[in-house]
Amino acid sequence: MKDPLTVAQIAKLFGITRQGVYHHIGGKTEQLAQKDRASVKELRPFTVPSHQQACTLWNNITATIKYALDPTSLSDTRLRVMKNWWRTLDKNLVIVADEGEAGNYLAKCGGWRLEDRVPSDGDMIVRPHTEPTEQQRRVLSWKIIEEALKRDA
């Protein structure tokens, strides 16, 4: 194949789960194209401690990036979960990573809070610690979410 497929695309192609793909390769992830994983890591707007990476919120931000890069990368179940989460977001607020933030309703593991949107946030759902790149602005924008919610509505 010319273009490498994501794990989700391989699973869909063979009618199995993503876990089934990993099971089949026996955990030898070097057999998979890592292009997707690297680009997602580069597009995350901040770094957080490993215990906060287990939070649902971190995973939802990551899934939003993956969806923006390739709408077919999420399983049907994951996309349904993401659409439900996207509907809970408030356009007047942004997600902010703060290592010192205690666990709260947003993230039991702590490290996250909501703040009022300011003009410099543009239409991003998060507020990075540094100036976001154009690609970060695109993949974490309300535009991506609104288009996803309109699809199959």
C-alpha atoms as a PDB file:
ATOM      1  CA  MET A   1       0.000   0.000   0.000  1.00  0.00           C
ATOM      2  CA  LYS A   2       1.223   3.479  -0.786  1.00  0.00           C
ATOM      3  CA  ASP A   3      -0.093   5.203   2.332  1.00  0.00           C
ATOM      4  CA  PRO A   4       0.219   3.565   5.744  1.00  0.00           C
ATOM      5  CA  LEU A   5      -3.090   2.798   7.429  1.00  0.00           C
ATOM      6  CA  THR A   6      -3.986   3.649  10.989  1.00  0.00           C
ATOM      7  CA  VAL A   7      -4.806   0.847  13.402  1.00  0.00           C
ATOM      8  CA  ALA A   8      -8.478   1.882  13.228  1.00  0.00           C
ATOM      9  CA  GLN A   9      -8.435   1.674   9.426  1.00  0.00           C
ATOM     10  CA  ILE A  10      -6.787  -1.781   9.506  1.00  0.00           C
ATOM     11  CA  ALA A  11      -9.389  -2.964  12.019  1.00  0.00           C
ATOM     12  CA  LYS A  12     -12.232  -1.638   9.892  1.00  0.00           C
ATOM     13  CA  LEU A  13     -10.753  -3.212   6.756  1.00  0.00           C
ATOM     14  CA  PHE A  14     -10.702  -6.663   8.390  1.00  0.00           C
ATOM     15  CA  GLY A  15     -13.878  -6.252  10.432  1.00  0.00           C
ATOM     16  CA  ILE A  16     -12.129  -6.602  13.780  1.00  0.00           C
ATOM     17  CA  THR A  17     -11.434  -4.321  16.726  1.00  0.00           C
ATOM     18  CA  ARG A  18      -8.276  -2.250  17.130  1.00  0.00           C
ATOM     19  CA  GLN A  19      -7.397  -4.518  20.041  1.00  0.00           C
ATOM     20  CA  GLY A  20      -7.632  -7.421  17.600  1.00  0.00           C
ATOM     21  CA  VAL A  21      -5.025  -5.767  15.381  1.00  0.00           C
ATOM     22  CA  TYR A  22      -2.650  -5.367  18.332  1.00  0.00           C
ATOM     23  CA  HIS A  23      -3.347  -8.956  19.419  1.00  0.00           C
ATOM     24  CA  HIS A  24      -2.555 -10.215  15.921  1.00  0.00           C
ATOM     25  CA  ILE A  25       0.810  -8.454  15.765  1.00  0.00           C
ATOM     26  CA  GLY A  26       1.659  -9.748  19.239  1.00  0.00           C
ATOM     27  CA  GLY A  27       2.413  -6.318  20.649  1.00  0.00           C
ATOM     28  CA  LYS A  28       5.130  -5.685  18.051  1.00  0.00           C
ATOM     29  CA  THR A  29       4.091  -2.108  17.376  1.00  0.00           C
ATOM     30  CA  GLU A  30       7.143  -1.517  15.210  1.00  0.00           C
ATOM     31  CA  GLN A  31       5.132  -3.334  12.514  1.00  0.00           C
ATOM     32  CA  LEU A  32       2.726  -0.397  12.489  1.00  0.00           C
ATOM     33  CA  ALA A  33       3.401   2.955  10.894  1.00  0.00           C
ATOM     34  CA  GLN A  34       4.199   5.344  13.717  1.00  0.00           C
ATOM     35  CA  LYS A  35       3.536   8.438  11.587  1.00  0.00           C
ATOM     36  CA  ASP A  36       0.117   8.864  13.157  1.00  0.00           C
ATOM     37  CA  ARG A  37       1.367   8.621  16.743  1.00  0.00           C
ATOM     38  CA  ALA A  38       4.194  11.113  16.149  1.00  0.00           C
ATOM     39  CA  SER A  39       1.983  13.729  14.512  1.00  0.00           C
ATOM     40  CA  VAL A  40      -0.585  13.526  17.323  1.00  0.00           C
ATOM     41  CA  LYS A  41       2.161  13.996  19.912  1.00  0.00           C
ATOM     42  CA  GLU A  42       3.466  17.073  18.082  1.00  0.00           C
ATOM     43  CA  LEU A  43      -0.013  18.575  17.925  1.00  0.00           C
ATOM     44  CA  ARG A  44      -0.802  18.252  21.611  1.00  0.00           C
ATOM     45  CA  PRO A  45      -0.738  21.817  22.900  1.00  0.00           C
ATOM     46  CA  PHE A  46       0.871  20.979  26.237  1.00  0.00           C
ATOM     47  CA  THR A  47       2.641  18.259  28.163  1.00  0.00           C
ATOM     48  CA  VAL A  48       1.258  16.843  31.366  1.00  0.00           C
ATOM     49  CA  PRO A  49       2.589  14.358  33.943  1.00  0.00           C
ATOM     50  CA  SER A  50       2.010  10.692  33.117  1.00  0.00           C
ATOM     51  CA  HIS A  51      -0.664  10.200  35.788  1.00  0.00           C
ATOM     52  CA  GLN A  52      -2.736  12.978  34.178  1.00  0.00           C
ATOM     53  CA  GLN A  53      -2.358  11.399  30.746  1.00  0.00           C
ATOM     54  CA  ALA A  54      -4.614   8.611  32.023  1.00  0.00           C
ATOM     55  CA  CYS A  55      -7.460  11.116  32.444  1.00  0.00           C
ATOM     56  CA  THR A  56     -10.441  10.872  30.154  1.00  0.00           C
ATOM     57  CA  LEU A  57     -10.023  14.559  29.335  1.00  0.00           C
ATOM     58  CA  TRP A  58      -6.477  14.048  27.990  1.00  0.00           C
ATOM     59  CA  ASN A  59      -7.672  11.095  25.934  1.00  0.00           C
ATOM     60  CA  ASN A  60     -10.582  13.125  24.555  1.00  0.00           C
ATOM     61  CA  ILE A  61      -8.253  15.940  23.512  1.00  0.00           C
ATOM     62  CA  THR A  62      -6.024  13.363  21.815  1.00  0.00           C
ATOM     63  CA  ALA A  63      -9.024  11.771  20.069  1.00  0.00           C
ATOM     64  CA  THR A  64     -10.127  15.211  18.861  1.00  0.00           C
ATOM     65  CA  ILE A  65      -6.708  15.683  17.243  1.00  0.00           C
ATOM     66  CA  LYS A  66      -6.860  12.213  15.679  1.00  0.00           C
ATOM     67  CA  TYR A  67     -10.345  12.921  14.323  1.00  0.00           C
ATOM     68  CA  ALA A  68      -9.221  16.240  12.842  1.00  0.00           C
ATOM     69  CA  LEU A  69      -6.291  14.527  11.110  1.00  0.00           C
ATOM     70  CA  ASP A  70      -8.389  11.625   9.830  1.00  0.00           C
ATOM     71  CA  PRO A  71     -12.137  11.364  10.554  1.00  0.00           C
ATOM     72  CA  THR A  72     -12.006   7.611   9.846  1.00  0.00           C
ATOM     73  CA  SER A  73      -9.367   7.014  12.545  1.00  0.00           C
ATOM     74  CA  LEU A  74     -11.922   6.621  15.352  1.00  0.00           C
ATOM     75  CA  SER A  75     -14.053   3.527  15.745  1.00  0.00           C
ATOM     76  CA  ASP A  76     -17.822   4.026  15.558  1.00  0.00           C
ATOM     77  CA  THR A  77     -18.071   3.580  19.326  1.00  0.00           C
ATOM     78  CA  ARG A  78     -15.255   6.049  20.040  1.00  0.00           C
ATOM     79  CA  LEU A  79     -16.772   8.584  17.650  1.00  0.00           C
ATOM     80  CA  ARG A  80     -20.138   8.288  19.415  1.00  0.00           C
ATOM     81  CA  VAL A  81     -18.409   8.863  22.779  1.00  0.00           C
ATOM     82  CA  MET A  82     -16.546  11.853  21.353  1.00  0.00           C
ATOM     83  CA  LYS A  83     -19.719  13.399  19.916  1.00  0.00           C
ATOM     84  CA  ASN A  84     -21.358  13.102  23.327  1.00  0.00           C
ATOM     85  CA  TRP A  85     -18.341  14.778  24.959  1.00  0.00           C
ATOM     86  CA  TRP A  86     -18.176  17.532  22.336  1.00  0.00           C
ATOM     87  CA  ARG A  87     -21.853  18.332  23.010  1.00  0.00           C
ATOM     88  CA  THR A  88     -21.026  18.952  26.691  1.00  0.00           C
ATOM     89  CA  LEU A  89     -18.404  21.594  25.909  1.00  0.00           C
ATOM     90  CA  ASP A  90     -19.291  25.241  26.465  1.00  0.00           C
ATOM     91  CA  LYS A  91     -18.149  27.658  23.740  1.00  0.00           C
ATOM     92  CA  ASN A  92     -17.596  30.364  26.365  1.00  0.00           C
ATOM     93  CA  LEU A  93     -14.984  28.285  28.199  1.00  0.00           C
ATOM     94  CA  VAL A  94     -11.610  26.771  27.313  1.00  0.00           C
ATOM     95  CA  ILE A  95      -9.784  23.794  28.817  1.00  0.00           C
ATOM     96  CA  VAL A  96      -6.538  24.712  30.578  1.00  0.00           C
ATOM     97  CA  ALA A  97      -3.846  22.308  31.768  1.00  0.00           C
ATOM     98  CA  ASP A  98      -2.564  23.154  35.258  1.00  0.00           C
ATOM     99  CA  GLU A  99      -0.385  20.586  37.008  1.00  0.00           C
ATOM    100  CA  GLY A 100      -1.276  21.993  40.413  1.00  0.00           C
ATOM    101  CA  GLU A 101      -5.041  21.786  39.930  1.00  0.00           C
ATOM    102  CA  ALA A 102      -6.647  19.305  42.311  1.00  0.00           C
ATOM    103  CA  GLY A 103      -9.024  16.644  41.068  1.00  0.00           C
ATOM    104  CA  ASN A 104     -12.401  18.077  40.139  1.00  0.00           C
ATOM    105  CA  TYR A 105     -15.549  17.355  38.124  1.00  0.00           C
ATOM    106  CA  LEU A 106     -13.589  17.958  34.924  1.00  0.00           C
ATOM    107  CA  ALA A 107     -10.832  15.467  35.728  1.00  0.00           C
ATOM    108  CA  LYS A 108     -10.681  13.315  38.840  1.00  0.00           C
ATOM    109  CA  CYS A 109      -6.926  12.921  38.370  1.00  0.00           C
ATOM    110  CA  GLY A 110      -6.477  16.688  38.566  1.00  0.00           C
ATOM    111  CA  GLY A 111      -4.413  18.939  36.372  1.00  0.00           C
ATOM    112  CA  TRP A 112      -7.260  20.515  34.395  1.00  0.00           C
ATOM    113  CA  ARG A 113      -9.658  23.412  34.787  1.00  0.00           C
ATOM    114  CA  LEU A 114     -12.008  25.540  32.696  1.00  0.00           C
ATOM    115  CA  GLU A 115     -11.525  29.262  32.216  1.00  0.00           C
ATOM    116  CA  ASP A 116     -13.545  31.954  30.488  1.00  0.00           C
ATOM    117  CA  ARG A 117     -12.656  32.359  26.837  1.00  0.00           C
ATOM    118  CA  VAL A 118     -10.587  35.420  25.895  1.00  0.00           C
ATOM    119  CA  PRO A 119     -10.068  36.813  22.367  1.00  0.00           C
ATOM    120  CA  SER A 120      -6.596  35.275  22.031  1.00  0.00           C
ATOM    121  CA  ASP A 121      -8.154  31.785  22.399  1.00  0.00           C
ATOM    122  CA  GLY A 122      -9.770  32.154  18.989  1.00  0.00           C
ATOM    123  CA  ASP A 123     -12.043  29.175  18.455  1.00  0.00           C
ATOM    124  CA  MET A 124      -9.765  26.607  20.142  1.00  0.00           C
ATOM    125  CA  ILE A 125     -11.250  24.315  22.787  1.00  0.00           C
ATOM    126  CA  VAL A 126      -8.022  24.482  24.819  1.00  0.00           C
ATOM    127  CA  ARG A 127      -5.648  27.237  25.910  1.00  0.00           C
ATOM    128  CA  PRO A 128      -2.046  26.141  25.328  1.00  0.00           C
ATOM    129  CA  HIS A 129       0.798  27.336  27.542  1.00  0.00           C
ATOM    130  CA  THR A 130       2.602  28.742  24.500  1.00  0.00           C
ATOM    131  CA  GLU A 131       1.492  30.329  21.247  1.00  0.00           C
ATOM    132  CA  PRO A 132      -0.287  27.560  19.297  1.00  0.00           C
ATOM    133  CA  THR A 133       0.747  26.662  15.782  1.00  0.00           C
ATOM    134  CA  GLU A 134      -1.696  27.110  12.921  1.00  0.00           C
ATOM    135  CA  GLN A 135      -2.150  23.347  12.748  1.00  0.00           C
ATOM    136  CA  GLN A 136      -2.929  23.171  16.485  1.00  0.00           C
ATOM    137  CA  ARG A 137      -5.465  25.947  15.992  1.00  0.00           C
ATOM    138  CA  ARG A 138      -7.059  23.937  13.191  1.00  0.00           C
ATOM    139  CA  VAL A 139      -7.212  20.499  14.850  1.00  0.00           C
ATOM    140  CA  LEU A 140      -8.476  21.767  18.206  1.00  0.00           C
ATOM    141  CA  SER A 141     -11.048  24.188  16.837  1.00  0.00           C
ATOM    142  CA  TRP A 142     -14.782  24.455  17.250  1.00  0.00           C
ATOM    143  CA  LYS A 143     -15.041  24.258  13.454  1.00  0.00           C
ATOM    144  CA  ILE A 144     -13.821  20.634  13.466  1.00  0.00           C
ATOM    145  CA  ILE A 145     -16.255  19.745  16.260  1.00  0.00           C
ATOM    146  CA  GLU A 146     -19.219  21.469  14.657  1.00  0.00           C
ATOM    147  CA  GLU A 147     -18.569  19.713  11.337  1.00  0.00           C
ATOM    148  CA  ALA A 148     -18.343  16.365  13.135  1.00  0.00           C
ATOM    149  CA  LEU A 149     -21.604  16.963  14.982  1.00  0.00           C
ATOM    150  CA  LYS A 150     -23.394  17.932  11.747  1.00  0.00           C
ATOM    151  CA  ARG A 151     -22.190  14.762  10.042  1.00  0.00           C
ATOM    152  CA  ASP A 152     -24.719  11.962  10.444  1.00  0.00           C
ATOM    153  CA  ALA A 153     -26.877  14.241  12.612  1.00  0.00           C
END
